[in-house]
């Protein structure tokens, strides 16, 4: 297994283990409140570790000139 995969698995297991410990000590309300944040944490870990292999769209947009007169 690659080092990157080990880090992903370790981070995900840590997040879920923390959740289990909180439930075990009776902090169910804390888990219910923090569940979306835990899910987002795992999602961000997975996204950060994925390789960016998709090619760019190639769609080019012409630059738009600034307005005359400067900033207000």
N, C-alpha and C. Protein backbone atom coordinates (compact mmCIF):
# COMPACT_ATOMS: atom_id res chain seq x y z
N UNK A 1 0.84 -1.17 0.00
CA UNK A 1 0.00 0.00 0.00
C UNK A 1 0.89 1.24 0.00
N UNK A 2 0.48 2.24 -0.73
CA UNK A 2 1.27 3.46 -0.83
C UNK A 2 1.15 4.27 0.46
N UNK A 3 2.17 5.08 0.70
CA UNK A 3 2.19 5.91 1.91
C UNK A 3 0.98 6.84 1.97
N UNK A 4 0.59 7.34 0.82
CA UNK A 4 -0.55 8.25 0.74
C UNK A 4 -1.84 7.56 1.20
N UNK A 5 -2.03 6.33 0.78
CA UNK A 5 -3.21 5.57 1.18
C UNK A 5 -3.22 5.31 2.68
N UNK A 6 -2.07 5.06 3.23
CA UNK A 6 -1.97 4.81 4.67
C UNK A 6 -2.36 6.07 5.44
N UNK A 7 -1.94 7.22 4.97
CA UNK A 7 -2.29 8.48 5.63
C UNK A 7 -3.79 8.72 5.55
N UNK A 8 -4.39 8.46 4.40
CA UNK A 8 -5.84 8.64 4.23
C UNK A 8 -6.59 7.73 5.19
N UNK A 9 -6.21 6.48 5.24
CA UNK A 9 -6.88 5.52 6.11
C UNK A 9 -6.71 5.91 7.57
N UNK A 10 -5.51 6.32 7.96
CA UNK A 10 -5.25 6.70 9.35
C UNK A 10 -6.10 7.92 9.74
N UNK A 11 -6.18 8.91 8.87
CA UNK A 11 -6.97 10.11 9.18
C UNK A 11 -8.45 9.77 9.29
N UNK A 12 -8.95 8.97 8.37
CA UNK A 12 -10.36 8.59 8.39
C UNK A 12 -10.69 7.76 9.63
N UNK A 13 -9.83 6.82 9.97
CA UNK A 13 -10.06 5.99 11.15
C UNK A 13 -10.01 6.85 12.41
N UNK A 14 -9.13 7.82 12.47
CA UNK A 14 -9.05 8.70 13.63
C UNK A 14 -10.34 9.49 13.81
N UNK A 15 -10.87 10.02 12.72
CA UNK A 15 -12.12 10.80 12.79
C UNK A 15 -13.26 9.92 13.29
N UNK A 16 -13.39 8.73 12.72
CA UNK A 16 -14.49 7.85 13.14
C UNK A 16 -14.28 7.29 14.55
N UNK A 17 -13.04 7.03 14.93
CA UNK A 17 -12.78 6.55 16.29
C UNK A 17 -13.15 7.61 17.31
N UNK A 18 -12.84 8.86 17.01
CA UNK A 18 -13.21 9.96 17.90
C UNK A 18 -14.73 10.02 18.06
N UNK A 19 -15.45 9.79 16.97
CA UNK A 19 -16.92 9.79 17.03
C UNK A 19 -17.42 8.66 17.92
N UNK A 20 -16.85 7.50 17.78
CA UNK A 20 -17.27 6.34 18.58
C UNK A 20 -16.99 6.60 20.06
N UNK A 21 -15.85 7.16 20.38
CA UNK A 21 -15.51 7.47 21.77
C UNK A 21 -16.49 8.47 22.35
N UNK A 22 -16.84 9.49 21.59
CA UNK A 22 -17.79 10.50 22.07
C UNK A 22 -19.15 9.87 22.36
N UNK A 23 -19.60 8.97 21.51
CA UNK A 23 -20.88 8.29 21.74
C UNK A 23 -20.78 7.39 22.96
N UNK A 24 -19.65 6.70 23.10
CA UNK A 24 -19.47 5.78 24.23
C UNK A 24 -19.49 6.50 25.57
N UNK A 25 -19.02 7.74 25.61
CA UNK A 25 -19.03 8.46 26.89
C UNK A 25 -20.29 9.30 27.07
N UNK A 26 -21.24 9.11 26.16
CA UNK A 26 -22.54 9.74 26.34
C UNK A 26 -22.70 11.10 25.70
N UNK A 27 -21.85 11.44 24.78
CA UNK A 27 -21.94 12.75 24.12
C UNK A 27 -22.65 12.64 22.78
N UNK A 28 -23.81 12.00 22.77
CA UNK A 28 -24.56 11.78 21.54
C UNK A 28 -24.97 13.13 20.93
N UNK A 29 -25.34 14.08 21.76
CA UNK A 29 -25.74 15.39 21.25
C UNK A 29 -24.57 16.07 20.53
N UNK A 30 -23.37 15.89 21.04
CA UNK A 30 -22.19 16.48 20.40
C UNK A 30 -21.96 15.84 19.03
N UNK A 31 -22.13 14.55 18.94
CA UNK A 31 -21.95 13.86 17.66
C UNK A 31 -23.02 14.29 16.67
N UNK A 32 -24.26 14.41 17.14
CA UNK A 32 -25.34 14.83 16.24
C UNK A 32 -25.06 16.23 15.69
N UNK A 33 -24.49 17.08 16.51
CA UNK A 33 -24.16 18.43 16.07
C UNK A 33 -22.96 18.44 15.14
N UNK A 34 -21.97 17.61 15.42
CA UNK A 34 -20.73 17.62 14.66
C UNK A 34 -20.69 16.64 13.49
N UNK A 35 -21.74 15.86 13.29
CA UNK A 35 -21.74 14.86 12.21
C UNK A 35 -21.47 15.48 10.84
N UNK A 36 -22.09 16.61 10.48
CA UNK A 36 -21.78 17.19 9.18
C UNK A 36 -20.30 17.60 9.06
N UNK A 37 -19.73 18.10 10.12
CA UNK A 37 -18.31 18.49 10.10
C UNK A 37 -17.42 17.26 9.95
N UNK A 38 -17.79 16.16 10.57
CA UNK A 38 -17.01 14.93 10.44
C UNK A 38 -17.07 14.40 9.02
N UNK A 39 -18.26 14.44 8.43
CA UNK A 39 -18.40 14.01 7.04
C UNK A 39 -17.60 14.88 6.11
N UNK A 40 -17.63 16.18 6.33
CA UNK A 40 -16.88 17.12 5.50
C UNK A 40 -15.38 16.89 5.66
N UNK A 41 -14.94 16.57 6.87
CA UNK A 41 -13.52 16.31 7.09
C UNK A 41 -13.05 15.12 6.26
N UNK A 42 -13.82 14.06 6.28
CA UNK A 42 -13.45 12.87 5.50
C UNK A 42 -13.47 13.20 4.01
N UNK A 43 -14.49 13.94 3.57
CA UNK A 43 -14.59 14.31 2.15
C UNK A 43 -13.38 15.15 1.73
N UNK A 44 -12.97 16.10 2.56
CA UNK A 44 -11.82 16.93 2.23
C UNK A 44 -10.52 16.13 2.20
N UNK A 45 -10.39 15.16 3.10
CA UNK A 45 -9.20 14.31 3.09
C UNK A 45 -9.12 13.54 1.79
N UNK A 46 -10.24 12.98 1.37
CA UNK A 46 -10.26 12.20 0.13
C UNK A 46 -9.98 13.09 -1.08
N UNK A 47 -10.60 14.26 -1.14
CA UNK A 47 -10.38 15.16 -2.27
C UNK A 47 -8.94 15.66 -2.33
N UNK A 48 -8.36 15.93 -1.19
CA UNK A 48 -7.00 16.45 -1.16
C UNK A 48 -5.99 15.41 -1.62
N UNK A 49 -6.32 14.16 -1.46
CA UNK A 49 -5.37 13.13 -1.81
C UNK A 49 -5.55 12.58 -3.22
N UNK A 50 -6.64 12.93 -3.87
CA UNK A 50 -6.84 12.48 -5.25
C UNK A 50 -5.90 13.22 -6.18
N UNK A 51 -5.46 12.52 -7.22
CA UNK A 51 -4.62 13.18 -8.21
C UNK A 51 -5.51 13.94 -9.18
N UNK A 52 -5.01 15.04 -9.65
CA UNK A 52 -5.75 15.87 -10.60
C UNK A 52 -5.38 15.42 -12.00
N UNK A 53 -6.09 14.42 -12.52
CA UNK A 53 -5.76 13.88 -13.84
C UNK A 53 -6.69 14.37 -14.93
N UNK A 54 -7.72 15.13 -14.57
CA UNK A 54 -8.65 15.61 -15.58
C UNK A 54 -7.99 16.73 -16.38
N UNK A 55 -8.10 16.67 -17.71
CA UNK A 55 -7.53 17.75 -18.52
C UNK A 55 -8.37 19.02 -18.40
N UNK A 56 -7.73 20.13 -18.64
CA UNK A 56 -8.45 21.40 -18.62
C UNK A 56 -9.43 21.45 -19.78
N UNK A 57 -10.47 22.27 -19.66
CA UNK A 57 -11.51 22.30 -20.68
C UNK A 57 -11.01 22.89 -21.99
N UNK A 58 -9.99 23.74 -21.94
CA UNK A 58 -9.49 24.37 -23.15
C UNK A 58 -10.32 25.56 -23.58
N UNK A 59 -11.36 25.86 -22.83
CA UNK A 59 -12.23 26.99 -23.16
C UNK A 59 -11.54 28.28 -22.74
N UNK A 60 -11.29 29.12 -23.69
CA UNK A 60 -10.60 30.39 -23.41
C UNK A 60 -11.61 31.53 -23.47
N UNK A 61 -11.47 32.46 -22.57
CA UNK A 61 -12.36 33.62 -22.53
C UNK A 61 -11.53 34.86 -22.80
N UNK A 62 -12.06 35.72 -23.65
CA UNK A 62 -11.35 36.96 -23.96
C UNK A 62 -11.33 37.86 -22.73
N UNK A 63 -10.21 38.51 -22.45
CA UNK A 63 -10.15 39.40 -21.29
C UNK A 63 -11.06 40.61 -21.48
N UNK A 64 -11.66 41.04 -20.38
CA UNK A 64 -12.54 42.20 -20.41
C UNK A 64 -11.75 43.39 -19.86
N UNK A 65 -11.70 44.52 -20.59
CA UNK A 65 -10.94 45.67 -20.10
C UNK A 65 -11.61 46.29 -18.87
N UNK A 66 -10.79 46.90 -18.01
CA UNK A 66 -11.31 47.59 -16.84
C UNK A 66 -12.09 48.82 -17.26
N UNK A 67 -12.98 49.27 -16.36
CA UNK A 67 -13.73 50.49 -16.62
C UNK A 67 -12.78 51.69 -16.53
N UNK A 68 -13.08 52.72 -17.30
CA UNK A 68 -12.31 53.94 -17.20
C UNK A 68 -12.70 54.70 -15.94
N UNK A 69 -11.80 55.42 -15.38
CA UNK A 69 -12.10 56.25 -14.21
C UNK A 69 -11.57 55.70 -12.92
N UNK A 70 -11.08 54.48 -12.89
CA UNK A 70 -10.47 53.93 -11.67
C UNK A 70 -11.51 53.45 -10.68
N UNK A 71 -11.04 53.02 -9.53
CA UNK A 71 -11.91 52.49 -8.48
C UNK A 71 -12.57 53.62 -7.72
N UNK A 72 -13.78 53.37 -7.23
CA UNK A 72 -14.48 54.42 -6.47
C UNK A 72 -13.85 54.69 -5.13
